[in-house]
Amino acid sequence: MAKRPATESLESTVGKASPASKRPRVEEAPSSSASSANGYHTPKHENGVDDNAEPAEEQSRQTAPAEGYSDLYLDTIDRSLLDFDFEKLCSVTLSNINVYACLVCGKYYQGRGSKSQAYFHALEDDHHVYINLETKRVYVLPEGYEVKSKSLDDIKFVADPTLSKEEVLKLDKEEKTVWDLLGHRYSPGFVGVNNIKANDYFNVVIHALAHVAPLRNYFMLEDLSDRPQLAQRFSTLVRKIWNPRAFKAHVSPHELLQEISLRSSKRFTLTEQSDPVDFLSWFLNNLHLALGGSKTKPGSSVIQKVFQGRLKVESQQITARADAGDRLRFEDADVKTEISKFMVLTLDLPSAPLFQDELDRNFIPQVPLSNILAKYDGLKGQERLNTRVRYRLLHPIPPCLVFHIKRFSKNKFIPERNPTIVTFPTRSLDMSPYVEPDPRQYPPGDPIWYDLVANITHEGVRIRDDSVEGEAEKKVWRVHVKDKSRDEWFEVQDLYVDKASAETIFAKESYVQIWERRRMERKKG
């Protein structure tokens, strides 16, 4: 096939300029030497996560809503889906840096730059309103401007409840009943705590500590932003328990539990049940250190100021020698005295009966609290191997006393539980018989009154277990807490909250008790 002849010869085209190359129909970005509208050029950021260094193309993003559209997208917020109790991690990258919560679906995403997960979520799912979980500032994406509307104040408060000093001091004085978003009525401070899997041991301890007034007030009012996460997250959980404007009538301890699992090297987790006393001892000691407390200096944190006391321990070795008649004679040895510190007082129960009664029924004995407190009267000795030991409390005794009623023990084969019921009053427990008199600290003969504020109980429930023959016993933990404003008691078991009678609280197996010292009334004149 013959080629089509050229219209012009090659010699005639020499010296002419070549045709212009094709270029995309977009505006070129200004060069580094060219001056932008504000006098400088911002380099493009790579990951779009950092809010303070935005990409160059984001300079064209809106810094404020268009006139007349200040409430744009706010009607898409669904408050019923918002839950700020979980650990602040991006749901995609699992990063805890610069995390935002979508106020439409409640999910957590990282960043708000043009290459961030929150930006992609706004484009893909058409969800436009986000709150920074650290600063509590609200933004609209993908536009990128901040929303400043008073209609969002309730969301910011739920994310980080903060009460004034006057409001905190009224918690135990004024009766308060409020409603959540679903119309459920609840009383601040007496809300359910979610049992994620097996963290009921944790729930009862946290609820009990949240009702110790000096401890609660400290964590609700102090700024702990420069303290470790353990103290910060406990403070947040206490404030959420006492939140009068909550969206739901329960809280989830997930965020604090994750920190505790990390700090305890998974000794205490949400998947395996632990002993409340073991957890309480660990938690108080580590909370003391998180608040800057010293291991040697007493009273260096609010934990020690509230719970720590002094105990006099007298020990005497028991020696025996045979006399001329081959009779065994005991000799008195020297008495050694030591002063030790405590935050939890252990009370020993009398041995449980080994046999059934004459009617072949299981007999559950009862013992008054004063009987097992006699361990600390300084007169009753306890024998430990070849040593006799006596205990006595010393002034000044702490504002709050924690009693551990020892029910569980282990032998060579199986763990044992003592079901003895301890009877006790809920008010006016006189601790003066168990404290060594000191006229310089307290008038001798005057009573030292304590009132009960929290009572953790144990219940053994039989469940079917194929791994053992027959049935196994499951431990169920509950806590009784007092509403001082109404002079009423509540029983809390995870999400279950109900009123309890003060006259029947002792009927269950009490395991941990927290008593608060009654303030002395000043005499007029």
Protein backbone atom coordinates (compact mmCIF):
# COMPACT_ATOMS: atom_id res chain seq x y z
CA MET A 1 0.00 0.00 0.00
CA ALA A 2 1.47 3.34 -1.02
CA LYS A 3 2.09 5.99 1.68
CA ARG A 4 0.30 9.33 1.54
CA PRO A 5 2.76 12.01 0.35
CA ALA A 6 3.62 14.82 2.75
CA THR A 7 2.13 18.19 2.07
CA GLU A 8 5.41 19.96 2.93
CA SER A 9 8.95 18.94 2.39
CA LEU A 10 11.23 18.28 5.38
CA GLU A 11 13.55 21.11 4.38
CA SER A 12 10.69 23.64 4.61
CA THR A 13 9.90 22.76 8.27
CA VAL A 14 13.39 23.22 9.62
CA GLY A 15 13.66 26.18 12.00
CA LYS A 16 10.03 26.14 13.10
CA ALA A 17 9.15 25.76 16.83
CA SER A 18 7.86 22.37 18.00
CA PRO A 19 4.19 22.13 19.04
CA ALA A 20 3.30 22.72 22.68
CA SER A 21 3.03 19.60 24.84
CA LYS A 22 -0.30 18.54 26.36
CA ARG A 23 -0.84 19.54 29.95
CA PRO A 24 -3.59 18.64 32.51
CA ARG A 25 -6.34 21.19 32.86
CA VAL A 26 -5.61 22.01 36.50
CA GLU A 27 -4.03 24.99 38.11
CA GLU A 28 -0.41 24.61 39.04
CA ALA A 29 0.49 24.75 42.68
CA PRO A 30 2.55 27.83 43.52
CA SER A 31 6.27 27.24 43.62
CA SER A 32 8.31 27.67 46.75
CA SER A 33 9.57 31.02 45.48
CA ALA A 34 6.12 32.29 44.67
CA SER A 35 4.33 34.03 47.52
CA SER A 36 0.93 32.65 48.59
CA ALA A 37 -1.99 34.66 49.77
CA ASN A 38 -0.75 34.73 53.35
CA GLY A 39 2.86 35.35 52.45
CA TYR A 40 4.26 31.80 52.88
CA HIS A 41 3.85 28.28 51.57
CA THR A 42 3.02 25.37 53.90
CA PRO A 43 4.64 22.00 53.03
CA LYS A 44 2.36 19.02 52.56
CA HIS A 45 1.97 16.72 55.58
CA GLU A 46 2.32 12.99 54.96
CA ASN A 47 -0.14 11.14 57.17
CA GLY A 48 -2.71 13.84 57.79
CA VAL A 49 -2.93 12.96 61.50
CA ASP A 50 -1.38 15.95 63.16
CA ASP A 51 -3.91 18.75 63.57
CA ASN A 52 -1.28 21.46 63.89
CA ALA A 53 0.53 20.67 60.61
CA GLU A 54 -2.05 20.38 57.85
CA PRO A 55 -1.30 19.56 54.19
CA ALA A 56 -0.90 22.38 51.71
CA GLU A 57 -4.06 21.46 49.90
CA GLU A 58 -5.95 21.75 53.20
CA GLN A 59 -5.30 25.49 53.36
CA SER A 60 -8.35 25.85 51.20
CA ARG A 61 -10.52 23.97 53.75
CA GLN A 62 -13.11 25.98 55.61
CA THR A 63 -12.14 27.52 58.91
CA ALA A 64 -15.75 28.41 59.75
CA PRO A 65 -19.21 27.40 58.52
CA ALA A 66 -20.83 29.41 55.76
CA GLU A 67 -22.98 32.29 56.90
CA GLY A 68 -26.39 31.02 57.96
CA TYR A 69 -25.24 27.37 58.18
CA SER A 70 -23.65 27.24 61.63
CA ASP A 71 -25.77 24.21 62.66
CA LEU A 72 -25.13 22.20 59.50
CA TYR A 73 -24.96 18.39 60.15
CA LEU A 74 -25.69 18.77 63.89
CA ASP A 75 -29.09 17.16 63.34
CA THR A 76 -27.32 13.93 62.34
CA ILE A 77 -25.83 13.42 65.84
CA ASP A 78 -27.26 10.33 67.58
CA ARG A 79 -26.69 10.65 71.33
CA SER A 80 -28.08 7.18 72.03
CA LEU A 81 -25.06 5.64 70.23
CA LEU A 82 -22.42 7.66 72.06
CA ASP A 83 -20.34 5.75 74.60
CA PHE A 84 -17.18 7.37 75.94
CA ASP A 85 -16.39 4.61 78.46
CA PHE A 86 -14.20 2.49 76.21
CA GLU A 87 -10.48 2.87 75.75
CA LYS A 88 -9.61 5.69 73.37
CA LEU A 89 -8.21 3.71 70.44
CA CYS A 90 -8.82 4.18 66.72
CA SER A 91 -11.11 1.39 65.49
CA VAL A 92 -8.94 0.96 62.37
CA THR A 93 -5.32 1.58 63.39
CA LEU A 94 -5.71 0.84 67.15
CA SER A 95 -3.63 3.95 67.82
CA ASN A 96 -4.27 6.10 70.89
CA ILE A 97 -2.82 9.27 69.35
CA ASN A 98 -5.17 12.09 68.32
CA VAL A 99 -8.39 10.04 68.51
CA TYR A 100 -11.77 11.44 67.48
CA ALA A 101 -15.24 10.04 68.14
CA CYS A 102 -17.84 10.14 65.39
CA LEU A 103 -20.95 11.72 66.90
CA VAL A 104 -23.17 10.01 64.33
CA CYS A 105 -22.22 6.35 64.89
CA GLY A 106 -20.06 6.54 68.04
CA LYS A 107 -16.96 4.86 66.56
CA TYR A 108 -13.42 6.07 67.24
CA TYR A 109 -11.10 7.22 64.43
CA GLN A 110 -7.65 8.78 64.29
CA GLY A 111 -6.89 12.30 63.07
CA ARG A 112 -8.85 14.72 60.91
CA GLY A 113 -6.36 15.48 58.11
CA SER A 114 -7.04 14.62 54.46
CA LYS A 115 -5.38 11.21 54.83
CA SER A 116 -6.74 10.32 58.26
CA GLN A 117 -9.21 7.58 59.15
CA ALA A 118 -11.81 10.08 60.35
CA TYR A 119 -11.56 11.95 57.03
CA PHE A 120 -12.12 8.72 55.05
CA HIS A 121 -15.04 7.77 57.31
CA ALA A 122 -16.68 11.14 56.65
CA LEU A 123 -16.43 10.65 52.89
CA GLU A 124 -17.43 6.98 52.77
CA ASP A 125 -20.26 6.93 55.33
CA ASP A 126 -21.43 10.54 55.13
CA HIS A 127 -20.81 11.09 58.87
CA HIS A 128 -19.59 14.64 59.38
CA VAL A 129 -19.42 15.59 63.10
CA TYR A 130 -16.46 14.51 65.28
CA ILE A 131 -15.20 15.32 68.76
CA ASN A 132 -11.57 15.23 69.84
CA LEU A 133 -11.52 12.97 72.90
CA GLU A 134 -8.58 14.84 74.40
CA THR A 135 -9.51 18.50 73.87
CA LYS A 136 -13.31 18.00 73.61
CA ARG A 137 -13.41 20.28 70.53
CA VAL A 138 -15.94 19.42 67.82
CA TYR A 139 -15.19 19.56 64.08
CA VAL A 140 -17.07 19.02 60.83
CA LEU A 141 -15.35 16.81 58.25
CA PRO A 142 -14.29 16.80 55.49
CA GLU A 143 -14.61 20.61 55.57
CA GLY A 144 -12.45 20.74 58.72
CA TYR A 145 -13.91 23.72 60.59
CA GLU A 146 -14.64 23.77 64.32
CA VAL A 147 -18.20 23.89 65.57
CA LYS A 148 -18.87 26.16 68.54
CA SER A 149 -22.42 25.53 69.59
CA LYS A 150 -23.91 25.38 73.07
CA SER A 151 -26.11 22.51 71.93
CA LEU A 152 -23.00 20.29 72.13
CA ASP A 153 -22.23 21.10 75.77
CA ASP A 154 -24.11 18.04 77.02
CA ILE A 155 -21.93 15.75 74.88
CA LYS A 156 -18.74 17.41 76.09
CA PHE A 157 -19.91 17.01 79.70
CA VAL A 158 -20.70 13.30 79.29
CA ALA A 159 -17.29 12.71 77.70
CA ASP A 160 -15.57 14.31 80.69
CA PRO A 161 -17.94 15.07 83.62
CA THR A 162 -16.68 17.89 85.81
CA LEU A 163 -18.48 19.16 88.90
CA SER A 164 -17.71 22.29 90.88
CA LYS A 165 -16.62 22.15 94.51
CA GLU A 166 -20.04 23.32 95.64
CA GLU A 167 -21.75 20.55 93.66
CA VAL A 168 -19.41 17.88 95.02
CA LEU A 169 -19.99 18.95 98.63
CA LYS A 170 -23.76 18.64 98.08
CA LEU A 171 -23.62 15.03 96.87
CA ASP A 172 -24.25 13.58 100.35
CA LYS A 173 -26.66 16.34 101.44
CA GLU A 174 -29.20 16.92 98.67
CA GLU A 175 -31.48 14.22 97.28
CA LYS A 176 -31.19 13.99 93.52
CA THR A 177 -33.12 11.91 91.00
CA VAL A 178 -32.46 12.31 87.27
CA TRP A 179 -33.39 10.59 84.00
CA ASP A 180 -31.23 9.31 81.17
CA LEU A 181 -31.94 9.56 77.42
CA LEU A 182 -34.22 6.51 77.47
CA GLY A 183 -36.30 7.91 80.32
CA HIS A 184 -34.84 5.60 82.97
CA ARG A 185 -34.69 7.13 86.41
CA TYR A 186 -31.46 6.86 88.43
CA SER A 187 -29.66 8.47 91.33
CA PRO A 188 -26.13 9.78 90.66
CA GLY A 189 -23.61 7.58 92.45
CA PHE A 190 -25.88 4.53 92.44
CA VAL A 191 -25.64 3.25 88.88
CA GLY A 192 -24.83 -0.14 87.42
CA VAL A 193 -21.28 -1.08 86.38
CA ASN A 194 -21.01 -3.30 83.33
CA ASN A 195 -19.63 -6.81 83.92
CA ILE A 196 -17.80 -7.33 80.63
CA LYS A 197 -17.03 -10.98 81.39
CA ALA A 198 -15.72 -11.75 84.89
CA ASN A 199 -14.87 -8.38 86.42
CA ASP A 200 -17.55 -8.38 89.13
CA TYR A 201 -14.77 -8.48 91.77
CA PHE A 202 -13.52 -5.19 90.33
CA ASN A 203 -16.97 -3.58 90.15
CA VAL A 204 -17.76 -4.01 93.85
CA VAL A 205 -14.40 -2.57 94.96
CA ILE A 206 -14.68 0.48 92.69
CA HIS A 207 -18.26 1.14 93.81
CA ALA A 208 -17.22 0.90 97.47
CA LEU A 209 -14.28 3.31 97.01
CA ALA A 210 -16.47 5.74 95.04
CA HIS A 211 -18.59 6.19 98.19
CA VAL A 212 -15.73 6.99 100.56
CA ALA A 213 -16.36 10.74 100.78
CA PRO A 214 -12.79 12.11 101.25
CA LEU A 215 -11.42 9.82 98.52
CA ARG A 216 -14.29 10.58 96.14
CA ASN A 217 -14.04 14.34 96.63
CA TYR A 218 -10.31 14.30 95.98
CA PHE A 219 -10.59 12.43 92.67
CA MET A 220 -13.52 14.55 91.52
CA LEU A 221 -11.89 17.92 92.21
CA GLU A 222 -8.13 17.52 91.76
CA ASP A 223 -6.39 18.09 88.44
CA LEU A 224 -4.57 14.81 87.72
CA SER A 225 -3.56 15.56 84.14
CA ASP A 226 0.15 15.24 85.02
CA ARG A 227 -0.32 11.94 86.91
CA PRO A 228 -0.06 8.39 85.51
CA GLN A 229 -2.99 6.89 83.62
CA LEU A 230 -4.07 4.74 86.59
CA ALA A 231 -4.98 7.82 88.64
CA GLN A 232 -6.49 9.67 85.67
CA ARG A 233 -8.73 6.80 84.60
CA PHE A 234 -9.93 6.10 88.14
CA SER A 235 -10.79 9.79 88.50
CA THR A 236 -12.75 9.68 85.23
CA LEU A 237 -14.68 6.57 86.30
CA VAL A 238 -15.60 8.07 89.69
CA ARG A 239 -16.86 11.24 88.00
CA LYS A 240 -18.93 9.18 85.57
CA ILE A 241 -20.48 7.18 88.42
CA TRP A 242 -21.60 10.46 90.01
CA ASN A 243 -22.58 12.12 86.70
CA PRO A 244 -26.01 13.82 87.06
CA ARG A 245 -26.40 14.28 83.26
CA ALA A 246 -25.49 10.84 81.92
CA PHE A 247 -26.91 9.52 78.64
CA LYS A 248 -27.38 6.05 80.19
CA ALA A 249 -27.91 4.82 83.75
CA HIS A 250 -24.78 2.65 83.87
CA VAL A 251 -21.05 2.92 83.20
CA SER A 252 -18.44 0.60 81.71
CA PRO A 253 -15.05 0.21 83.47
CA HIS A 254 -13.31 -0.98 80.29
CA GLU A 255 -10.77 1.87 80.12
CA LEU A 256 -9.60 1.52 83.74
CA LEU A 257 -9.58 -2.28 83.52
CA GLN A 258 -7.23 -2.21 80.55
CA GLU A 259 -4.79 -0.01 82.47
CA ILE A 260 -5.00 -2.25 85.56
CA SER A 261 -4.40 -5.36 83.46
CA LEU A 262 -1.29 -3.72 82.00
CA ARG A 263 0.10 -2.44 85.31
CA SER A 264 -0.53 -5.70 87.16
CA SER A 265 1.04 -7.83 84.40
CA LYS A 266 -2.39 -9.40 83.77
CA ARG A 267 -2.81 -10.43 87.38
CA PHE A 268 -6.19 -8.68 87.37
CA THR A 269 -8.14 -8.91 84.11
CA LEU A 270 -11.72 -8.69 82.89
CA THR A 271 -11.75 -12.32 81.73
CA GLU A 272 -10.83 -14.10 84.98
CA GLN A 273 -12.36 -13.58 88.40
CA SER A 274 -10.06 -12.54 91.24
CA ASP A 275 -10.41 -11.98 94.96
CA PRO A 276 -11.71 -8.49 95.89
CA VAL A 277 -9.32 -8.18 98.86
CA ASP A 278 -6.27 -9.01 96.74
CA PHE A 279 -7.36 -6.47 94.16
CA LEU A 280 -8.19 -3.82 96.79
CA SER A 281 -4.76 -4.12 98.41
CA TRP A 282 -2.96 -3.95 95.06
CA PHE A 283 -5.10 -1.06 93.83
CA LEU A 284 -4.67 1.11 96.93
CA ASN A 285 -0.89 0.65 96.96
CA ASN A 286 -0.48 1.37 93.24
CA LEU A 287 -2.89 4.31 93.40
CA HIS A 288 -0.80 5.68 96.26
CA LEU A 289 2.33 5.51 94.09
CA ALA A 290 0.51 6.99 91.08
CA LEU A 291 -0.37 10.04 93.17
CA GLY A 292 3.28 10.61 94.01
CA GLY A 293 3.20 8.85 97.36
CA SER A 294 6.36 7.66 99.07
CA LYS A 295 7.11 4.08 100.13
CA THR A 296 8.74 5.26 103.36
CA LYS A 297 7.10 8.55 104.32
CA PRO A 298 3.63 8.02 105.88
CA GLY A 299 0.73 10.25 104.84
CA SER A 300 2.36 11.23 101.55
CA SER A 301 -0.84 10.72 99.52
CA VAL A 302 -4.58 10.92 100.03
CA ILE A 303 -4.72 7.10 100.05
CA GLN A 304 -2.61 6.86 103.19
CA LYS A 305 -4.29 9.87 104.78
CA VAL A 306 -7.69 8.17 104.45
CA PHE A 307 -6.92 4.49 105.13
CA GLN A 308 -3.53 4.04 106.81
CA GLY A 309 -3.24 3.51 110.55
CA ARG A 310 -0.75 2.18 113.08
CA LEU A 311 -0.83 -1.14 114.91
CA LYS A 312 1.09 -2.26 117.99
CA VAL A 313 2.12 -5.91 117.76
CA GLU A 314 3.34 -7.70 120.89
CA SER A 315 4.92 -11.10 120.34
CA GLN A 316 6.09 -13.57 122.98
CA GLN A 317 7.81 -16.86 122.30
CA ILE A 318 6.28 -19.92 123.94
CA THR A 319 8.93 -22.07 125.61
CA ALA A 320 8.44 -25.31 127.56
CA ARG A 321 10.79 -27.40 129.70
CA ALA A 322 10.36 -30.66 131.59
CA ASP A 323 10.82 -30.48 135.38
CA ALA A 324 12.13 -33.13 137.79
CA GLY A 325 8.80 -34.97 137.72
CA ASP A 326 8.87 -35.08 133.93
CA ARG A 327 6.04 -32.61 133.80
CA LEU A 328 5.89 -30.00 131.07
CA ARG A 329 6.18 -26.46 132.39
CA PHE A 330 5.78 -23.31 130.28
CA GLU A 331 8.15 -20.43 130.80
CA ASP A 332 7.45 -16.81 130.03
CA ALA A 333 9.80 -15.26 127.51
CA ASP A 334 10.47 -11.60 126.86
CA VAL A 335 7.77 -9.62 125.06
CA LYS A 336 8.81 -7.93 121.83
CA THR A 337 6.87 -4.86 120.68
CA GLU A 338 6.73 -3.64 117.11
CA ILE A 339 4.80 -0.82 115.45
CA SER A 340 3.50 -1.62 111.98
CA LYS A 341 1.29 0.21 109.49
CA PHE A 342 -1.91 -1.11 107.99
CA MET A 343 -4.58 -0.19 105.47
CA VAL A 344 -6.73 -3.32 105.82
CA LEU A 345 -7.56 -5.07 109.11
CA THR A 346 -8.10 -8.84 108.87
CA LEU A 347 -10.79 -10.35 111.11
CA ASP A 348 -10.73 -14.12 111.77
CA LEU A 349 -13.93 -16.10 111.94
CA PRO A 350 -14.45 -18.94 114.43
CA SER A 351 -14.24 -22.41 112.94
CA ALA A 352 -17.36 -23.54 111.12
CA PRO A 353 -19.16 -26.64 112.48
CA LEU A 354 -18.05 -29.90 110.90
CA PHE A 355 -21.30 -31.79 111.42
CA GLN A 356 -25.01 -31.21 110.94
CA ASP A 357 -27.35 -30.52 113.82
CA GLU A 358 -29.65 -33.04 115.49
CA LEU A 359 -32.28 -32.54 112.78
CA ASP A 360 -29.76 -33.33 110.03
CA ARG A 361 -29.88 -29.79 108.77
CA ASN A 362 -26.99 -27.55 107.85
CA PHE A 363 -26.41 -25.14 110.70
CA ILE A 364 -24.97 -21.73 109.79
CA PRO A 365 -23.52 -20.07 112.91
CA GLN A 366 -23.63 -16.36 113.65
CA VAL A 367 -21.08 -14.21 115.43
CA PRO A 368 -21.23 -10.51 116.41
CA LEU A 369 -18.71 -8.18 114.84
CA SER A 370 -17.50 -7.15 118.31
CA ASN A 371 -16.40 -10.74 119.00
CA ILE A 372 -14.04 -10.94 116.03
CA LEU A 373 -12.86 -7.35 116.62
CA ALA A 374 -11.61 -8.49 120.04
CA LYS A 375 -8.49 -9.63 118.19
CA TYR A 376 -7.34 -6.00 118.47
CA ASP A 377 -8.11 -5.35 122.16
CA GLY A 378 -4.50 -5.95 123.20
CA LEU A 379 -5.53 -8.64 125.70
CA LYS A 380 -6.58 -11.63 123.61
CA GLY A 381 -3.53 -13.53 122.41
CA GLN A 382 -3.32 -15.59 119.26
CA GLU A 383 -0.91 -18.48 118.91
CA ARG A 384 1.12 -18.79 115.74
CA LEU A 385 3.38 -21.83 115.80
CA ASN A 386 5.55 -21.21 118.89
CA THR A 387 4.66 -17.51 119.32
CA ARG A 388 1.82 -15.76 121.13
CA VAL A 389 0.77 -12.48 119.44
CA ARG A 390 -1.42 -9.59 120.65
CA TYR A 391 -2.64 -6.59 118.62
CA ARG A 392 -3.78 -3.06 119.56
CA LEU A 393 -4.64 -0.05 117.43
CA LEU A 394 -2.83 3.22 118.09
CA HIS A 395 -3.91 6.85 117.85
CA PRO A 396 -4.52 8.57 115.56
CA ILE A 397 -6.75 6.04 113.86
CA PRO A 398 -7.55 6.73 110.19
CA PRO A 399 -10.74 8.45 108.97
CA CYS A 400 -11.79 5.19 107.27
CA LEU A 401 -11.29 1.60 108.40
CA VAL A 402 -11.33 -1.36 106.00
CA PHE A 403 -12.23 -4.75 107.51
CA HIS A 404 -11.47 -8.00 105.71
CA ILE A 405 -13.53 -10.85 107.14
CA LYS A 406 -11.41 -13.87 106.28
CA ARG A 407 -13.67 -16.57 104.87
CA PHE A 408 -11.45 -18.51 102.49
CA SER A 409 -8.56 -20.81 103.31
CA LYS A 410 -6.70 -23.58 101.54
CA ASN A 411 -5.75 -27.02 102.75
CA LYS A 412 -3.73 -29.66 100.94
CA PHE A 413 -6.65 -30.69 98.78
CA ILE A 414 -9.36 -28.09 98.18
CA PRO A 415 -10.11 -24.45 99.09
CA GLU A 416 -12.51 -24.05 102.01
CA ARG A 417 -15.11 -21.40 102.76
CA ASN A 418 -16.43 -20.41 106.17
CA PRO A 419 -20.16 -19.52 105.86
CA THR A 420 -20.45 -17.94 109.33
CA ILE A 421 -22.75 -14.90 109.33
CA VAL A 422 -21.37 -11.76 110.98
CA THR A 423 -23.96 -9.55 112.63
CA PHE A 424 -23.19 -5.84 112.88
CA PRO A 425 -24.88 -2.45 113.18
CA THR A 426 -24.78 -0.05 110.27
CA ARG A 427 -24.25 2.91 112.58
CA SER A 428 -22.38 3.76 115.79
CA LEU A 429 -19.60 1.17 115.92
CA ASP A 430 -17.46 2.15 118.93
CA MET A 431 -13.78 1.48 118.21
CA SER A 432 -12.45 2.89 121.51
CA PRO A 433 -12.07 -0.58 123.19
CA TYR A 434 -9.59 -1.57 120.48
CA VAL A 435 -7.45 1.59 120.58
CA GLU A 436 -4.71 2.12 123.13
CA PRO A 437 -5.57 5.25 125.21
CA ASP A 438 -3.49 8.35 124.55
CA PRO A 439 -4.67 11.51 126.36
CA ARG A 440 -2.59 13.67 124.03
CA GLN A 441 -4.50 12.40 120.98
CA TYR A 442 -8.03 11.68 122.28
CA PRO A 443 -9.90 11.99 125.61
CA PRO A 444 -9.79 8.62 127.39
CA GLY A 445 -13.16 6.98 127.91
CA ASP A 446 -14.89 8.85 125.07
CA PRO A 447 -16.37 6.63 122.32
CA ILE A 448 -14.91 6.68 118.81
CA TRP A 449 -17.88 6.29 116.49
CA TYR A 450 -17.72 4.81 113.01
CA ASP A 451 -20.57 4.40 110.50
CA LEU A 452 -20.73 1.83 107.71
CA VAL A 453 -20.53 3.22 104.15
CA ALA A 454 -19.91 0.08 102.05
CA ASN A 455 -20.28 -3.68 102.54
CA ILE A 456 -19.05 -6.23 99.98
CA THR A 457 -20.73 -9.62 100.26
CA HIS A 458 -20.08 -13.08 98.86
CA GLU A 459 -22.53 -15.72 97.73
CA GLY A 460 -21.71 -19.23 96.54
CA VAL A 461 -23.95 -20.33 93.69
CA ARG A 462 -24.02 -23.94 92.54
CA ILE A 463 -23.62 -24.35 88.79
CA ARG A 464 -23.31 -27.38 86.58
CA ASP A 465 -19.74 -28.05 85.51
CA ASP A 466 -18.82 -30.95 83.24
CA SER A 467 -15.12 -30.63 84.09
CA VAL A 468 -15.76 -31.90 87.63
CA GLU A 469 -18.09 -34.46 89.07
CA GLY A 470 -21.52 -33.03 89.75
CA GLU A 471 -21.57 -29.29 90.43
CA ALA A 472 -19.12 -26.47 90.97
CA GLU A 473 -19.48 -23.34 93.10
CA LYS A 474 -19.44 -19.94 91.43
CA LYS A 475 -18.58 -16.83 93.44
CA VAL A 476 -21.04 -13.95 93.16
CA TRP A 477 -20.01 -10.55 94.53
CA ARG A 478 -22.37 -7.76 95.58
CA VAL A 479 -21.88 -4.45 97.36
CA HIS A 480 -24.13 -2.45 99.67
CA VAL A 481 -23.58 1.31 99.54
CA LYS A 482 -25.32 4.01 101.55
CA ASP A 483 -27.14 7.02 100.15
CA LYS A 484 -26.43 9.55 102.89
CA SER A 485 -28.80 12.15 101.46
CA ARG A 486 -31.81 9.82 101.88
CA ASP A 487 -30.41 7.63 104.67
CA GLU A 488 -31.09 4.57 102.48
CA TRP A 489 -29.09 1.58 101.32
CA PHE A 490 -28.65 0.22 97.79
CA GLU A 491 -27.51 -3.22 96.70
CA VAL A 492 -25.46 -3.23 93.48
CA GLN A 493 -24.57 -6.33 91.48
CA ASP A 494 -23.09 -5.31 88.13
CA LEU A 495 -25.99 -3.65 86.23
CA TYR A 496 -28.55 -4.56 88.90
CA VAL A 497 -29.28 -1.74 91.37
CA ASP A 498 -32.03 -1.95 93.97
CA LYS A 499 -32.86 -0.65 97.42
CA ALA A 500 -31.84 -2.74 100.42
CA SER A 501 -33.01 -2.81 104.01
CA ALA A 502 -30.47 -1.73 106.62
CA GLU A 503 -31.84 -4.38 109.02
CA THR A 504 -31.06 -7.30 106.67
CA ILE A 505 -27.67 -6.28 105.28
CA PHE A 506 -25.84 -8.51 107.76
CA ALA A 507 -27.84 -11.58 106.62
CA LYS A 508 -25.39 -12.20 103.78
CA GLU A 509 -21.76 -13.31 103.95
CA SER A 510 -19.96 -10.04 104.53
CA TYR A 511 -16.42 -10.07 103.12
CA VAL A 512 -15.15 -6.46 103.05
CA GLN A 513 -16.49 -3.53 105.07
CA ILE A 514 -15.55 0.15 104.91
CA TRP A 515 -16.36 2.26 107.97
CA GLU A 516 -16.14 6.04 108.07
CA ARG A 517 -15.35 7.93 111.25
CA ARG A 518 -18.09 10.22 112.47
CA ARG A 519 -17.11 13.82 112.87
CA MET A 520 -17.25 15.12 116.42
CA GLU A 521 -19.84 17.83 116.99
CA ARG A 522 -18.38 21.01 118.35
CA LYS A 523 -19.76 22.02 121.68
CA LYS A 524 -21.18 25.50 121.75
CA GLY A 525 -19.73 27.95 124.21
